[in-house]
C-alpha atoms as a PDB file:
ATOM      1  CA  MET A   1       1.898 -20.046  -6.430  1.00  0.00           C
ATOM      2  CA  SER A   2      -0.096 -19.342  -9.586  1.00  0.00           C
ATOM      3  CA  ILE A   3      -3.064 -17.118  -8.801  1.00  0.00           C
ATOM      4  CA  PRO A   4      -5.468 -16.407 -11.674  1.00  0.00           C
ATOM      5  CA  ALA A   5      -7.971 -13.664 -10.844  1.00  0.00           C
ATOM      6  CA  ASN A   6     -11.632 -13.645 -11.760  1.00  0.00           C
ATOM      7  CA  ALA A   7     -14.214 -10.887 -11.419  1.00  0.00           C
ATOM      8  CA  ASP A   8     -17.299 -11.967  -9.508  1.00  0.00           C
ATOM      9  CA  GLY A   9     -20.245 -10.882 -11.601  1.00  0.00           C
ATOM     10  CA  LEU A  10     -22.594 -10.535  -8.632  1.00  0.00           C
ATOM     11  CA  SER A  11     -20.525  -8.478  -6.207  1.00  0.00           C
ATOM     12  CA  GLY A  12     -17.884  -6.962  -8.458  1.00  0.00           C
ATOM     13  CA  ILE A  13     -15.193  -8.333  -6.124  1.00  0.00           C
ATOM     14  CA  THR A  14     -12.187  -9.908  -7.849  1.00  0.00           C
ATOM     15  CA  THR A  15     -11.606 -13.417  -6.559  1.00  0.00           C
ATOM     16  CA  LEU A  16      -8.426 -15.468  -6.741  1.00  0.00           C
ATOM     17  CA  THR A  17      -8.054 -19.066  -7.800  1.00  0.00           C
ATOM     18  CA  PRO A  18      -4.830 -20.245  -6.129  1.00  0.00           C
ATOM     19  CA  GLN A  19      -3.090 -23.078  -7.929  1.00  0.00           C
ATOM     20  CA  ALA A  20      -0.011 -24.963  -6.791  1.00  0.00           C
ATOM     21  CA  ARG A  21       3.153 -23.538  -8.325  1.00  0.00           C
ATOM     22  CA  ARG A  22       4.915 -25.877 -10.716  1.00  0.00           C
ATOM     23  CA  GLY A  23       7.808 -27.394  -8.799  1.00  0.00           C
ATOM     24  CA  PHE A  24       6.308 -26.435  -5.433  1.00  0.00           C
ATOM     25  CA  VAL A  25       8.567 -27.968  -2.782  1.00  0.00           C
ATOM     26  CA  GLU A  26       6.572 -30.107  -0.382  1.00  0.00           C
ATOM     27  CA  THR A  27       8.709 -31.895   2.178  1.00  0.00           C
ATOM     28  CA  GLU A  28       7.301 -34.034   4.972  1.00  0.00           C
ATOM     29  CA  SER A  29       7.266 -31.011   7.299  1.00  0.00           C
ATOM     30  CA  VAL A  30       5.260 -28.972   4.775  1.00  0.00           C
ATOM     31  CA  LYS A  31       2.855 -31.868   4.220  1.00  0.00           C
ATOM     32  CA  SER A  32       2.371 -32.164   7.983  1.00  0.00           C
ATOM     33  CA  VAL A  33       1.482 -28.487   8.352  1.00  0.00           C
ATOM     34  CA  THR A  34      -0.921 -28.410   5.395  1.00  0.00           C
ATOM     35  CA  ARG A  35      -2.555 -31.682   6.453  1.00  0.00           C
ATOM     36  CA  ARG A  36      -3.299 -30.286   9.915  1.00  0.00           C
ATOM     37  CA  ALA A  37      -4.487 -26.976   8.502  1.00  0.00           C
ATOM     38  CA  LEU A  38      -6.900 -28.738   6.139  1.00  0.00           C
ATOM     39  CA  ALA A  39      -8.169 -30.928   8.977  1.00  0.00           C
ATOM     40  CA  TYR A  40      -9.026 -27.857  11.070  1.00  0.00           C
ATOM     41  CA  LEU A  41     -10.595 -26.013   8.133  1.00  0.00           C
ATOM     42  CA  ASN A  42     -12.673 -29.004   7.043  1.00  0.00           C
ATOM     43  CA  SER A  43     -13.872 -29.328  10.645  1.00  0.00           C
ATOM     44  CA  GLY A  44     -15.242 -25.802  10.446  1.00  0.00           C
ATOM     45  CA  PHE A  45     -12.462 -23.954  12.264  1.00  0.00           C
ATOM     46  CA  SER A  46     -10.318 -21.077  11.045  1.00  0.00           C
ATOM     47  CA  VAL A  47      -6.534 -21.396  10.847  1.00  0.00           C
ATOM     48  CA  HIS A  48      -3.824 -18.914  11.800  1.00  0.00           C
ATOM     49  CA  PHE A  49      -0.269 -19.312  10.466  1.00  0.00           C
ATOM     50  CA  ARG A  50       2.002 -17.457  12.904  1.00  0.00           C
ATOM     51  CA  GLY A  51       5.728 -17.006  12.388  1.00  0.00           C
ATOM     52  CA  PRO A  52       8.583 -14.576  11.726  1.00  0.00           C
ATOM     53  CA  ALA A  53       9.280 -13.008   8.353  1.00  0.00           C
ATOM     54  CA  GLY A  54      10.530 -15.335   5.647  1.00  0.00           C
ATOM     55  CA  THR A  55       9.004 -18.536   7.009  1.00  0.00           C
ATOM     56  CA  GLY A  56       6.493 -18.875   4.157  1.00  0.00           C
ATOM     57  CA  LYS A  57       3.266 -18.058   6.007  1.00  0.00           C
ATOM     58  CA  THR A  58       1.535 -16.412   3.055  1.00  0.00           C
ATOM     59  CA  THR A  59       2.720 -19.140   0.679  1.00  0.00           C
ATOM     60  CA  LEU A  60       1.311 -21.768   3.060  1.00  0.00           C
ATOM     61  CA  ALA A  61      -1.977 -19.863   3.272  1.00  0.00           C
ATOM     62  CA  LEU A  62      -2.302 -19.710  -0.524  1.00  0.00           C
ATOM     63  CA  HIS A  63      -1.263 -23.360  -0.888  1.00  0.00           C
ATOM     64  CA  THR A  64      -3.853 -24.426   1.684  1.00  0.00           C
ATOM     65  CA  ALA A  65      -6.513 -22.326  -0.046  1.00  0.00           C
ATOM     66  CA  ALA A  66      -5.614 -24.026  -3.330  1.00  0.00           C
ATOM     67  CA  LEU A  67      -6.157 -27.424  -1.723  1.00  0.00           C
ATOM     68  CA  LEU A  68      -9.605 -26.312  -0.518  1.00  0.00           C
ATOM     69  CA  GLY A  69     -10.493 -25.707  -4.153  1.00  0.00           C
ATOM     70  CA  ARG A  70     -12.756 -22.698  -3.566  1.00  0.00           C
ATOM     71  CA  PRO A  71     -12.536 -19.146  -4.960  1.00  0.00           C
ATOM     72  CA  THR A  72     -10.450 -17.001  -2.642  1.00  0.00           C
ATOM     73  CA  VAL A  73     -10.469 -13.360  -1.584  1.00  0.00           C
ATOM     74  CA  MET A  74      -7.482 -11.782   0.131  1.00  0.00           C
ATOM     75  CA  ILE A  75      -7.178  -8.931   2.625  1.00  0.00           C
ATOM     76  CA  THR A  76      -3.971  -7.404   3.963  1.00  0.00           C
ATOM     77  CA  GLY A  77      -4.008  -5.927   7.460  1.00  0.00           C
ATOM     78  CA  ASP A  78      -3.346  -2.225   7.719  1.00  0.00           C
ATOM     79  CA  GLU A  79      -3.265   0.483  10.390  1.00  0.00           C
ATOM     80  CA  GLU A  80      -6.040   2.358   8.560  1.00  0.00           C
ATOM     81  CA  MET A  81      -8.316  -0.693   8.332  1.00  0.00           C
ATOM     82  CA  VAL A  82     -11.837  -0.118   9.682  1.00  0.00           C
ATOM     83  CA  THR A  83     -14.896  -2.351   9.769  1.00  0.00           C
ATOM     84  CA  SER A  84     -16.309  -0.862   6.572  1.00  0.00           C
ATOM     85  CA  ASN A  85     -13.159  -1.952   4.704  1.00  0.00           C
ATOM     86  CA  LEU A  86     -14.116  -5.529   5.560  1.00  0.00           C
ATOM     87  CA  VAL A  87     -17.902  -5.641   5.274  1.00  0.00           C
ATOM     88  CA  GLY A  88     -18.809  -2.798   2.895  1.00  0.00           C
ATOM     89  CA  SER A  89     -20.223   0.710   2.895  1.00  0.00           C
ATOM     90  CA  GLN A  90     -22.671   3.070   1.268  1.00  0.00           C
ATOM     91  CA  HIS A  91     -21.508   3.747  -2.247  1.00  0.00           C
ATOM     92  CA  GLY A  92     -23.315   6.261  -4.414  1.00  0.00           C
ATOM     93  CA  TYR A  93     -27.073   6.463  -4.976  1.00  0.00           C
ATOM     94  CA  ASN A  94     -29.839   4.724  -6.887  1.00  0.00           C
ATOM     95  CA  TYR A  95     -32.054   7.310  -8.562  1.00  0.00           C
ATOM     96  CA  ARG A  96     -35.662   6.635  -9.537  1.00  0.00           C
ATOM     97  CA  LYS A  97     -37.937   8.991 -11.426  1.00  0.00           C
ATOM     98  CA  VAL A  98     -41.623   8.313 -12.184  1.00  0.00           C
ATOM     99  CA  VAL A  99     -43.645  10.552 -14.505  1.00  0.00           C
ATOM    100  CA  ASP A 100     -47.416  10.035 -14.285  1.00  0.00           C
ATOM    101  CA  ARG A 101     -49.521  11.399 -17.181  1.00  0.00           C
ATOM    102  CA  PHE A 102     -52.606   9.267 -16.591  1.00  0.00           C
ATOM    103  CA  ILE A 103     -54.662  12.427 -16.779  1.00  0.00           C
ATOM    104  CA  HIS A 104     -53.454  14.240 -19.831  1.00  0.00           C
ATOM    105  CA  THR A 105     -53.981  17.662 -18.296  1.00  0.00           C
ATOM    106  CA  VAL A 106     -51.966  16.754 -15.165  1.00  0.00           C
ATOM    107  CA  THR A 107     -48.321  15.693 -14.974  1.00  0.00           C
ATOM    108  CA  LYS A 108     -47.141  14.098 -11.728  1.00  0.00           C
ATOM    109  CA  VAL A 109     -43.423  13.544 -11.167  1.00  0.00           C
ATOM    110  CA  GLU A 110     -41.909  11.521  -8.288  1.00  0.00           C
ATOM    111  CA  GLU A 111     -38.146  11.342  -7.710  1.00  0.00           C
ATOM    112  CA  THR A 112     -36.347   9.254  -5.094  1.00  0.00           C
ATOM    113  CA  ALA A 113     -32.651   8.734  -4.331  1.00  0.00           C
ATOM    114  CA  ASP A 114     -31.618   5.766  -2.193  1.00  0.00           C
ATOM    115  CA  LYS A 115     -28.103   5.163  -0.992  1.00  0.00           C
ATOM    116  CA  ARG A 116     -26.524   2.133  -2.630  1.00  0.00           C
ATOM    117  CA  TRP A 117     -24.758  -0.525  -0.551  1.00  0.00           C
ATOM    118  CA  ALA A 118     -21.555  -2.174  -1.840  1.00  0.00           C
ATOM    119  CA  ASP A 119     -20.247  -5.427  -0.365  1.00  0.00           C
ATOM    120  CA  HIS A 120     -16.570  -5.671   0.457  1.00  0.00           C
ATOM    121  CA  ARG A 121     -14.433  -8.809   0.564  1.00  0.00           C
ATOM    122  CA  LEU A 122     -15.446 -10.293   3.914  1.00  0.00           C
ATOM    123  CA  THR A 123     -19.145  -9.914   3.088  1.00  0.00           C
ATOM    124  CA  THR A 124     -18.649 -11.423  -0.367  1.00  0.00           C
ATOM    125  CA  ALA A 125     -16.731 -14.380   1.074  1.00  0.00           C
ATOM    126  CA  CYS A 126     -19.392 -14.998   3.731  1.00  0.00           C
ATOM    127  CA  ARG A 127     -22.253 -14.653   1.255  1.00  0.00           C
ATOM    128  CA  GLU A 128     -20.760 -16.841  -1.502  1.00  0.00           C
ATOM    129  CA  GLY A 129     -18.835 -19.390   0.574  1.00  0.00           C
ATOM    130  CA  TYR A 130     -15.369 -18.292  -0.554  1.00  0.00           C
ATOM    131  CA  THR A 131     -12.082 -18.776   1.275  1.00  0.00           C
ATOM    132  CA  LEU A 132     -10.830 -15.624   3.002  1.00  0.00           C
ATOM    133  CA  ILE A 133      -7.093 -15.075   3.477  1.00  0.00           C
ATOM    134  CA  TYR A 134      -6.448 -12.280   5.984  1.00  0.00           C
ATOM    135  CA  ASP A 135      -2.717 -11.648   5.638  1.00  0.00           C
ATOM    136  CA  GLU A 136      -0.924  -9.938   8.560  1.00  0.00           C
ATOM    137  CA  PHE A 137      -4.236  -9.424  10.350  1.00  0.00           C
ATOM    138  CA  THR A 138      -2.565  -8.051  13.499  1.00  0.00           C
ATOM    139  CA  ARG A 139      -1.546  -4.946  11.562  1.00  0.00           C
ATOM    140  CA  SER A 140      -5.205  -3.948  11.760  1.00  0.00           C
ATOM    141  CA  ARG A 141      -6.589  -2.535  14.980  1.00  0.00           C
ATOM    142  CA  ALA A 142      -8.510  -4.973  17.157  1.00  0.00           C
ATOM    143  CA  GLU A 143     -11.755  -2.979  16.883  1.00  0.00           C
ATOM    144  CA  ALA A 144     -11.700  -3.319  13.095  1.00  0.00           C
ATOM    145  CA  ASN A 145     -11.648  -7.114  13.453  1.00  0.00           C
ATOM    146  CA  ASN A 146     -14.494  -7.339  15.987  1.00  0.00           C
ATOM    147  CA  VAL A 147     -16.945  -8.097  13.182  1.00  0.00           C
ATOM    148  CA  LEU A 148     -15.153 -11.428  12.704  1.00  0.00           C
ATOM    149  CA  LEU A 149     -16.240 -12.705  16.124  1.00  0.00           C
ATOM    150  CA  GLY A 150     -19.830 -13.368  15.094  1.00  0.00           C
ATOM    151  CA  VAL A 151     -18.730 -14.730  11.728  1.00  0.00           C
ATOM    152  CA  LEU A 152     -16.424 -17.359  13.246  1.00  0.00           C
ATOM    153  CA  GLU A 153     -18.620 -18.371  16.175  1.00  0.00           C
ATOM    154  CA  GLU A 154     -22.304 -17.845  15.376  1.00  0.00           C
ATOM    155  CA  GLY A 155     -22.034 -17.909  11.596  1.00  0.00           C
ATOM    156  CA  LEU A 156     -23.627 -14.469  11.317  1.00  0.00           C
ATOM    157  CA  LEU A 157     -22.158 -11.362   9.744  1.00  0.00           C
ATOM    158  CA  VAL A 158     -23.722  -8.292  11.323  1.00  0.00           C
ATOM    159  CA  LEU A 159     -23.865  -5.419   8.863  1.00  0.00           C
ATOM    160  CA  PRO A 160     -23.869  -1.715   9.824  1.00  0.00           C
ATOM    161  CA  ALA A 161     -27.144  -0.202  10.973  1.00  0.00           C
ATOM    162  CA  HIS A 162     -27.345   2.157   7.999  1.00  0.00           C
ATOM    163  CA  ASN A 163     -27.720  -0.868   5.700  1.00  0.00           C
ATOM    164  CA  GLN A 164     -31.395  -1.112   6.585  1.00  0.00           C
ATOM    165  CA  ASN A 165     -32.340  -3.531   3.821  1.00  0.00           C
ATOM    166  CA  GLU A 166     -30.112  -6.303   5.170  1.00  0.00           C
ATOM    167  CA  PRO A 167     -29.091  -6.040   8.855  1.00  0.00           C
ATOM    168  CA  TYR A 168     -27.151  -9.309   8.783  1.00  0.00           C
ATOM    169  CA  ILE A 169     -26.394 -12.294   6.564  1.00  0.00           C
ATOM    170  CA  LYS A 170     -26.026 -15.956   7.395  1.00  0.00           C
ATOM    171  CA  VAL A 171     -22.502 -17.172   6.641  1.00  0.00           C
ATOM    172  CA  HIS A 172     -22.312 -19.724   3.815  1.00  0.00           C
ATOM    173  CA  PRO A 173     -21.422 -23.220   5.129  1.00  0.00           C
ATOM    174  CA  GLU A 174     -18.387 -23.426   2.838  1.00  0.00           C
ATOM    175  CA  PHE A 175     -16.867 -20.161   4.051  1.00  0.00           C
ATOM    176  CA  ARG A 176     -13.365 -20.650   5.491  1.00  0.00           C
ATOM    177  CA  ALA A 177     -10.858 -18.160   6.910  1.00  0.00           C
ATOM    178  CA  ILE A 178      -7.050 -18.363   6.981  1.00  0.00           C
ATOM    179  CA  PHE A 179      -5.047 -15.781   8.940  1.00  0.00           C
ATOM    180  CA  THR A 180      -1.334 -14.976   9.038  1.00  0.00           C
ATOM    181  CA  SER A 181       0.700 -12.830  11.431  1.00  0.00           C
ATOM    182  CA  ASN A 182       4.274 -12.073  12.447  1.00  0.00           C
ATOM    183  CA  PRO A 183       4.723 -12.048  16.253  1.00  0.00           C
ATOM    184  CA  GLN A 184       8.222 -10.583  16.021  1.00  0.00           C
ATOM    185  CA  GLU A 185       7.232  -7.366  14.273  1.00  0.00           C
ATOM    186  CA  TYR A 186       6.988  -4.345  16.548  1.00  0.00           C
ATOM    187  CA  ALA A 187       6.148  -1.519  14.129  1.00  0.00           C
ATOM    188  CA  GLY A 188       2.500  -1.147  13.161  1.00  0.00           C
ATOM    189  CA  VAL A 189       1.392  -4.349  14.893  1.00  0.00           C
ATOM    190  CA  HIS A 190      -1.486  -4.649  17.361  1.00  0.00           C
ATOM    191  CA  GLU A 191      -2.193  -7.420  19.817  1.00  0.00           C
ATOM    192  CA  ALA A 192      -5.073  -9.607  18.702  1.00  0.00           C
ATOM    193  CA  GLN A 193      -8.018  -9.720  21.087  1.00  0.00           C
ATOM    194  CA  ASP A 194      -8.399 -12.909  23.118  1.00  0.00           C
ATOM    195  CA  ALA A 195     -11.940 -13.454  21.827  1.00  0.00           C
ATOM    196  CA  LEU A 196     -10.653 -13.732  18.250  1.00  0.00           C
ATOM    197  CA  GLY A 197      -7.652 -15.875  19.191  1.00  0.00           C
ATOM    198  CA  ASP A 198     -10.011 -18.260  20.993  1.00  0.00           C
ATOM    199  CA  ARG A 199     -11.944 -18.854  17.779  1.00  0.00           C
ATOM    200  CA  ILE A 200      -9.004 -19.839  15.556  1.00  0.00           C
ATOM    201  CA  VAL A 201      -6.402 -22.610  15.606  1.00  0.00           C
ATOM    202  CA  THR A 202      -2.843 -21.230  15.546  1.00  0.00           C
ATOM    203  CA  ILE A 203      -0.054 -23.145  13.820  1.00  0.00           C
ATOM    204  CA  ASP A 204       3.415 -21.811  14.567  1.00  0.00           C
ATOM    205  CA  VAL A 205       5.638 -21.739  11.479  1.00  0.00           C
ATOM    206  CA  GLN A 206       9.393 -21.747  12.020  1.00  0.00           C
ATOM    207  CA  HIS A 207      12.323 -21.206   9.674  1.00  0.00           C
ATOM    208  CA  ALA A 208      12.702 -24.100   7.260  1.00  0.00           C
ATOM    209  CA  ASN A 209      15.247 -26.815   7.919  1.00  0.00           C
ATOM    210  CA  ARG A 210      18.345 -27.099   5.751  1.00  0.00           C
ATOM    211  CA  GLU A 211      16.820 -29.709   3.426  1.00  0.00           C
ATOM    212  CA  LEU A 212      13.786 -27.548   2.676  1.00  0.00           C
ATOM    213  CA  GLU A 213      15.805 -24.345   2.263  1.00  0.00           C
ATOM    214  CA  ILE A 214      18.098 -26.020  -0.260  1.00  0.00           C
ATOM    215  CA  ALA A 215      15.165 -27.521  -2.187  1.00  0.00           C
ATOM    216  CA  VAL A 216      13.204 -24.248  -2.298  1.00  0.00           C
ATOM    217  CA  THR A 217      16.251 -22.138  -3.209  1.00  0.00           C
ATOM    218  CA  ALA A 218      17.127 -24.513  -6.036  1.00  0.00           C
ATOM    219  CA  ALA A 219      13.553 -24.473  -7.334  1.00  0.00           C
ATOM    220  CA  ARG A 220      13.283 -20.680  -7.173  1.00  0.00           C
ATOM    221  CA  SER A 221      16.706 -19.906  -8.672  1.00  0.00           C
ATOM    222  CA  GLY A 222      17.135 -22.557 -11.342  1.00  0.00           C
ATOM    223  CA  LEU A 223      20.457 -23.724  -9.889  1.00  0.00           C
ATOM    224  CA  SER A 224      21.118 -27.292  -8.779  1.00  0.00           C
ATOM    225  CA  LYS A 225      20.911 -28.326  -5.148  1.00  0.00           C
ATOM    226  CA  ALA A 226      24.681 -28.851  -5.115  1.00  0.00           C
ATOM    227  CA  GLN A 227      25.204 -25.277  -6.321  1.00  0.00           C
ATOM    228  CA  VAL A 228      22.875 -23.646  -3.810  1.00  0.00           C
ATOM    229  CA  ALA A 229      23.875 -25.738  -0.776  1.00  0.00           C
ATOM    230  CA  PRO A 230      27.023 -23.704   0.103  1.00  0.00           C
ATOM    231  CA  ILE A 231      25.103 -20.418  -0.198  1.00  0.00           C
ATOM    232  CA  VAL A 232      22.255 -21.720   1.952  1.00  0.00           C
ATOM    233  CA  ASP A 233      24.811 -22.872   4.546  1.00  0.00           C
ATOM    234  CA  LEU A 234      26.439 -19.436   4.421  1.00  0.00           C
ATOM    235  CA  VAL A 235      23.129 -17.690   5.127  1.00  0.00           C
ATOM    236  CA  ARG A 236      22.181 -20.183   7.835  1.00  0.00           C
ATOM    237  CA  GLU A 237      25.474 -19.715   9.682  1.00  0.00           C
ATOM    238  CA  PHE A 238      25.140 -15.949   9.440  1.00  0.00           C
ATOM    239  CA  ARG A 239      21.643 -16.336  10.929  1.00  0.00           C
ATOM    240  CA  ASP A 240      23.123 -18.338  13.808  1.00  0.00           C
ATOM    241  CA  THR A 241      25.626 -15.578  14.665  1.00  0.00           C
ATOM    242  CA  GLY A 242      22.899 -13.122  15.647  1.00  0.00           C
ATOM    243  CA  GLU A 243      25.063 -10.288  14.306  1.00  0.00           C
ATOM    244  CA  TYR A 244      22.284  -8.499  12.438  1.00  0.00           C
ATOM    245  CA  ASP A 245      19.210  -6.364  13.014  1.00  0.00           C
ATOM    246  CA  GLN A 246      16.943  -8.108  10.500  1.00  0.00           C
ATOM    247  CA  THR A 247      16.957 -11.894  10.410  1.00  0.00           C
ATOM    248  CA  PRO A 248      18.401 -13.314   7.162  1.00  0.00           C
ATOM    249  CA  THR A 249      15.727 -15.685   5.873  1.00  0.00           C
ATOM    250  CA  LEU A 250      15.186 -18.097   3.017  1.00  0.00           C
ATOM    251  CA  ARG A 251      14.561 -15.088   0.775  1.00  0.00           C
ATOM    252  CA  THR A 252      18.182 -14.046   1.368  1.00  0.00           C
ATOM    253  CA  SER A 253      19.478 -17.313  -0.097  1.00  0.00           C
ATOM    254  CA  ILE A 254      17.083 -17.014  -3.036  1.00  0.00           C
ATOM    255  CA  MET A 255      18.239 -13.449  -3.770  1.00  0.00           C
ATOM    256  CA  ILE A 256      21.906 -14.424  -3.928  1.00  0.00           C
ATOM    257  CA  CYS A 257      21.282 -17.579  -5.967  1.00  0.00           C
ATOM    258  CA  ARG A 258      19.062 -15.813  -8.489  1.00  0.00           C
ATOM    259  CA  VAL A 259      21.791 -13.249  -9.151  1.00  0.00           C
ATOM    260  CA  VAL A 260      24.345 -16.059  -9.486  1.00  0.00           C
ATOM    261  CA  ALA A 261      22.108 -17.776 -12.044  1.00  0.00           C
ATOM    262  CA  GLN A 262      21.197 -14.567 -13.880  1.00  0.00           C
ATOM    263  CA  GLU A 263      24.745 -13.219 -14.125  1.00  0.00           C
ATOM    264  CA  LYS A 264      26.349 -16.661 -14.547  1.00  0.00           C
ATOM    265  CA  ILE A 265      28.996 -15.817 -11.962  1.00  0.00           C
ATOM    266  CA  SER A 266      31.179 -18.270 -10.078  1.00  0.00           C
ATOM    267  CA  PRO A 267      29.859 -18.646  -6.525  1.00  0.00           C
ATOM    268  CA  THR A 268      33.289 -18.706  -4.886  1.00  0.00           C
ATOM    269  CA  VAL A 269      35.298 -16.286  -2.791  1.00  0.00           C
ATOM    270  CA  ALA A 270      37.714 -15.953  -5.723  1.00  0.00           C
ATOM    271  CA  ASP A 271      35.085 -14.003  -7.698  1.00  0.00           C
ATOM    272  CA  PRO A 272      34.943 -10.405  -6.405  1.00  0.00           C
ATOM    273  CA  TYR A 273      31.518  -9.913  -8.032  1.00  0.00           C
ATOM    274  CA  PHE A 274      30.046 -12.818  -6.079  1.00  0.00           C
ATOM    275  CA  VAL A 275      31.658 -11.623  -2.858  1.00  0.00           C
ATOM    276  CA  GLN A 276      30.207  -8.142  -3.320  1.00  0.00           C
ATOM    277  CA  VAL A 277      26.730  -9.547  -4.042  1.00  0.00           C
ATOM    278  CA  CYS A 278      26.910 -11.494  -0.774  1.00  0.00           C
ATOM    279  CA  LEU A 279      28.075  -8.390   1.104  1.00  0.00           C
ATOM    280  CA  ASP A 280      25.256  -6.325  -0.415  1.00  0.00           C
ATOM    281  CA  VAL A 281      22.509  -8.818   0.439  1.00  0.00           C
ATOM    282  CA  LEU A 282      23.804  -9.962   3.835  1.00  0.00           C
ATOM    283  CA  GLY A 283      25.093  -6.554   4.879  1.00  0.00           C
ATOM    284  CA  SER A 284      21.676  -5.008   4.325  1.00  0.00           C
ATOM    285  CA  LYS A 285      20.414  -7.026   7.301  1.00  0.00           C
ATOM    286  CA  SER A 286      22.189  -4.611   9.645  1.00  0.00           C
ATOM    287  CA  VAL A 287      21.069  -1.064  10.330  1.00  0.00           C
ATOM    288  CA  PHE A 288      23.683   1.377   9.069  1.00  0.00           C
ATOM    289  CA  ALA A 289      22.804   4.182  11.462  1.00  0.00           C
ATOM    290  CA  GLY A 290      24.109   3.824  14.985  1.00  0.00           C
ATOM    291  CA  LYS A 291      27.144   1.733  14.034  1.00  0.00           C
ATOM    292  CA  THR A 292      30.647   3.129  14.035  1.00  0.00           C
ATOM    293  CA  LYS A 293      32.941   2.662  11.081  1.00  0.00           C
ATOM    294  CA  GLY A 294      34.933   0.153  13.111  1.00  0.00           C
ATOM    295  CA  GLU A 295      31.817  -1.904  13.895  1.00  0.00           C
ATOM    296  CA  ARG A 296      30.818  -1.976  10.239  1.00  0.00           C
ATOM    297  CA  LEU A 297      34.300  -3.092   9.194  1.00  0.00           C
ATOM    298  CA  GLN A 298      34.250  -5.794  11.872  1.00  0.00           C
ATOM    299  CA  GLN A 299      30.959  -7.163  10.559  1.00  0.00           C
ATOM    300  CA  GLN A 300      32.256  -7.082   6.987  1.00  0.00           C
ATOM    301  CA  LYS A 301      35.308  -9.106   8.029  1.00  0.00           C
ATOM    302  CA  MET A 302      33.032 -11.652   9.700  1.00  0.00           C
ATOM    303  CA  LEU A 303      30.956 -11.962   6.530  1.00  0.00           C
ATOM    304  CA  LEU A 304      34.072 -12.359   4.402  1.00  0.00           C
ATOM    305  CA  LYS A 305      35.293 -15.193   6.621  1.00  0.00           C
ATOM    306  CA  LEU A 306      31.919 -16.916   6.294  1.00  0.00           C
ATOM    307  CA  ILE A 307      32.019 -16.543   2.501  1.00  0.00           C
ATOM    308  CA  GLU A 308      35.561 -17.930   2.390  1.00  0.00           C
ATOM    309  CA  HIS A 309      34.569 -20.862   4.590  1.00  0.00           C
ATOM    310  CA  HIS A 310      31.425 -21.894   2.705  1.00  0.00           C
ATOM    311  CA  CYS A 311      32.358 -20.815  -0.832  1.00  0.00           C
ATOM    312  CA  PRO A 312      36.130 -21.438  -1.061  1.00  0.00           C
ATOM    313  CA  ALA A 313      38.163 -20.770  -4.170  1.00  0.00           C
ATOM    314  CA  GLU A 314      39.270 -24.387  -4.264  1.00  0.00           C
ATOM    315  CA  ALA A 315      38.552 -27.656  -2.492  1.00  0.00           C
ATOM    316  CA  ARG A 316      39.290 -27.493   1.211  1.00  0.00           C
ATOM    317  CA  ARG A 317      42.563 -29.011   2.314  1.00  0.00           C
ATOM    318  CA  PRO A 318      43.201 -30.654   5.671  1.00  0.00           C
ATOM    319  CA  ALA A 319      44.601 -28.305   8.300  1.00  0.00           C
ATOM    320  CA  THR A 320      48.403 -28.515   8.662  1.00  0.00           C
ATOM    321  CA  ALA A 321      50.033 -28.488  12.105  1.00  0.00           C
ATOM    322  CA  GLY A 322      46.797 -27.432  13.704  1.00  0.00           C
ATOM    323  CA  LYS A 323      46.377 -24.421  11.414  1.00  0.00           C
ATOM    324  CA  THR A 324      44.189 -23.953   8.352  1.00  0.00           C
ATOM    325  CA  ALA A 325      46.223 -22.990   5.308  1.00  0.00           C
ATOM    326  CA  ARG A 326      45.322 -19.616   3.802  1.00  0.00           C
ATOM    327  CA  ARG A 327      44.002 -19.868   0.249  1.00  0.00           C
ATOM    328  CA  THR A 328      45.100 -17.609  -2.548  1.00  0.00           C
ATOM    329  CA  ASN A 329      43.488 -16.762  -5.841  1.00  0.00           C
ATOM    330  CA  GLY A 330      46.406 -17.857  -7.987  1.00  0.00           C
ATOM    331  CA  ASN A 331      48.542 -14.741  -7.743  1.00  0.00           C
ATOM    332  CA  GLY A 332      49.572 -15.132  -4.138  1.00  0.00           C
ATOM    333  CA  ARG A 333      46.990 -12.687  -2.842  1.00  0.00           C
ATOM    334  CA  ASP A 334      44.371 -13.559  -0.271  1.00  0.00           C
ATOM    335  CA  PRO A 335      40.941 -13.221  -1.987  1.00  0.00           C
ATOM    336  CA  VAL A 336      39.286 -12.276   1.318  1.00  0.00           C
ATOM    337  CA  ALA A 337      41.757  -9.457   1.828  1.00  0.00           C
ATOM    338  CA  VAL A 338      41.277  -8.369  -1.801  1.00  0.00           C
ATOM    339  CA  ALA A 339      37.490  -8.208  -1.353  1.00  0.00           C
ATOM    340  CA  ALA A 340      37.974  -6.211   1.834  1.00  0.00           C
ATOM    341  CA  GLY A 341      40.189  -3.746   0.000  1.00  0.00           C
ATOM    342  CA  GLY A 342      43.485  -5.008   1.424  1.00  0.00           C
ATOM    343  CA  ASP A 343      46.568  -6.408  -0.296  1.00  0.00           C
ATOM    344  CA  GLY A 344      46.692  -9.721   1.548  1.00  0.00           C
ATOM    345  CA  ALA A 345      50.061  -9.011   3.056  1.00  0.00           C
END
């Protein structure tokens, strides 16, 4: 997603102008999601993309914002987020000094200092009719997001009482809000209040199907679909095993394929460099602490078998007498055993 930034001359807030990335992969499933999201947004409702890590929620939010064609401001949820981070706060002072010499023998001086109000991103978006992307909004405490209730329902943004010059603003009719969240995260995540959830339409985003993962990985790595397909299948089968602490996602396939393209290595089990890259990327999905040496070796053996199965050194041969023939790397040694540090005997 190409995102040029522009400084808003009125508020000082930097806005984004999301543009579709060249080669953006848009399968029928992606088109279906974005079509529904646009339908809800154009009907005046806010949209919430909810899904686990690596499912493309933020990319979908930016792509949808690009299709709306309005300037965009982005907020990322945070434990320290408070209402003032969304709407604005007092910022410095405006000084005014008047010197009166109407009577030449008398000098009258008046000085005043008024606190200056500075809009933040939510206020700017509501005032100017921009699109707001609130990424990972459940990482913010519920009380920080209470100000959104009036914005999404009554179309009014209530400003803090100390902003006496403007107690509230009427939300611009073209204002739209897109939220994202990860329901599987447990650290630093808060449950969204029912009142906010009732005001937005939630679209659940799942892991991409094989076709989409291959297309996206090829587009993001520069390799052909035929080259990335075995690696995508490797990652997908590892995901199906459940033998990890952090789910291997589409990003995992992209990481491996980018290194393959960058280093121009052979993506087969016969290349120790490729095998080690796979072990680095896939092995990092398991927490090191709490596992015995035997458990770590067992997982490594499982990964090596998956690599050998999906990225063989040569074309697969039919099984003989009910058994799959062991492949060698040309010198009689088993490449899987070599990668594991053994001698293949």
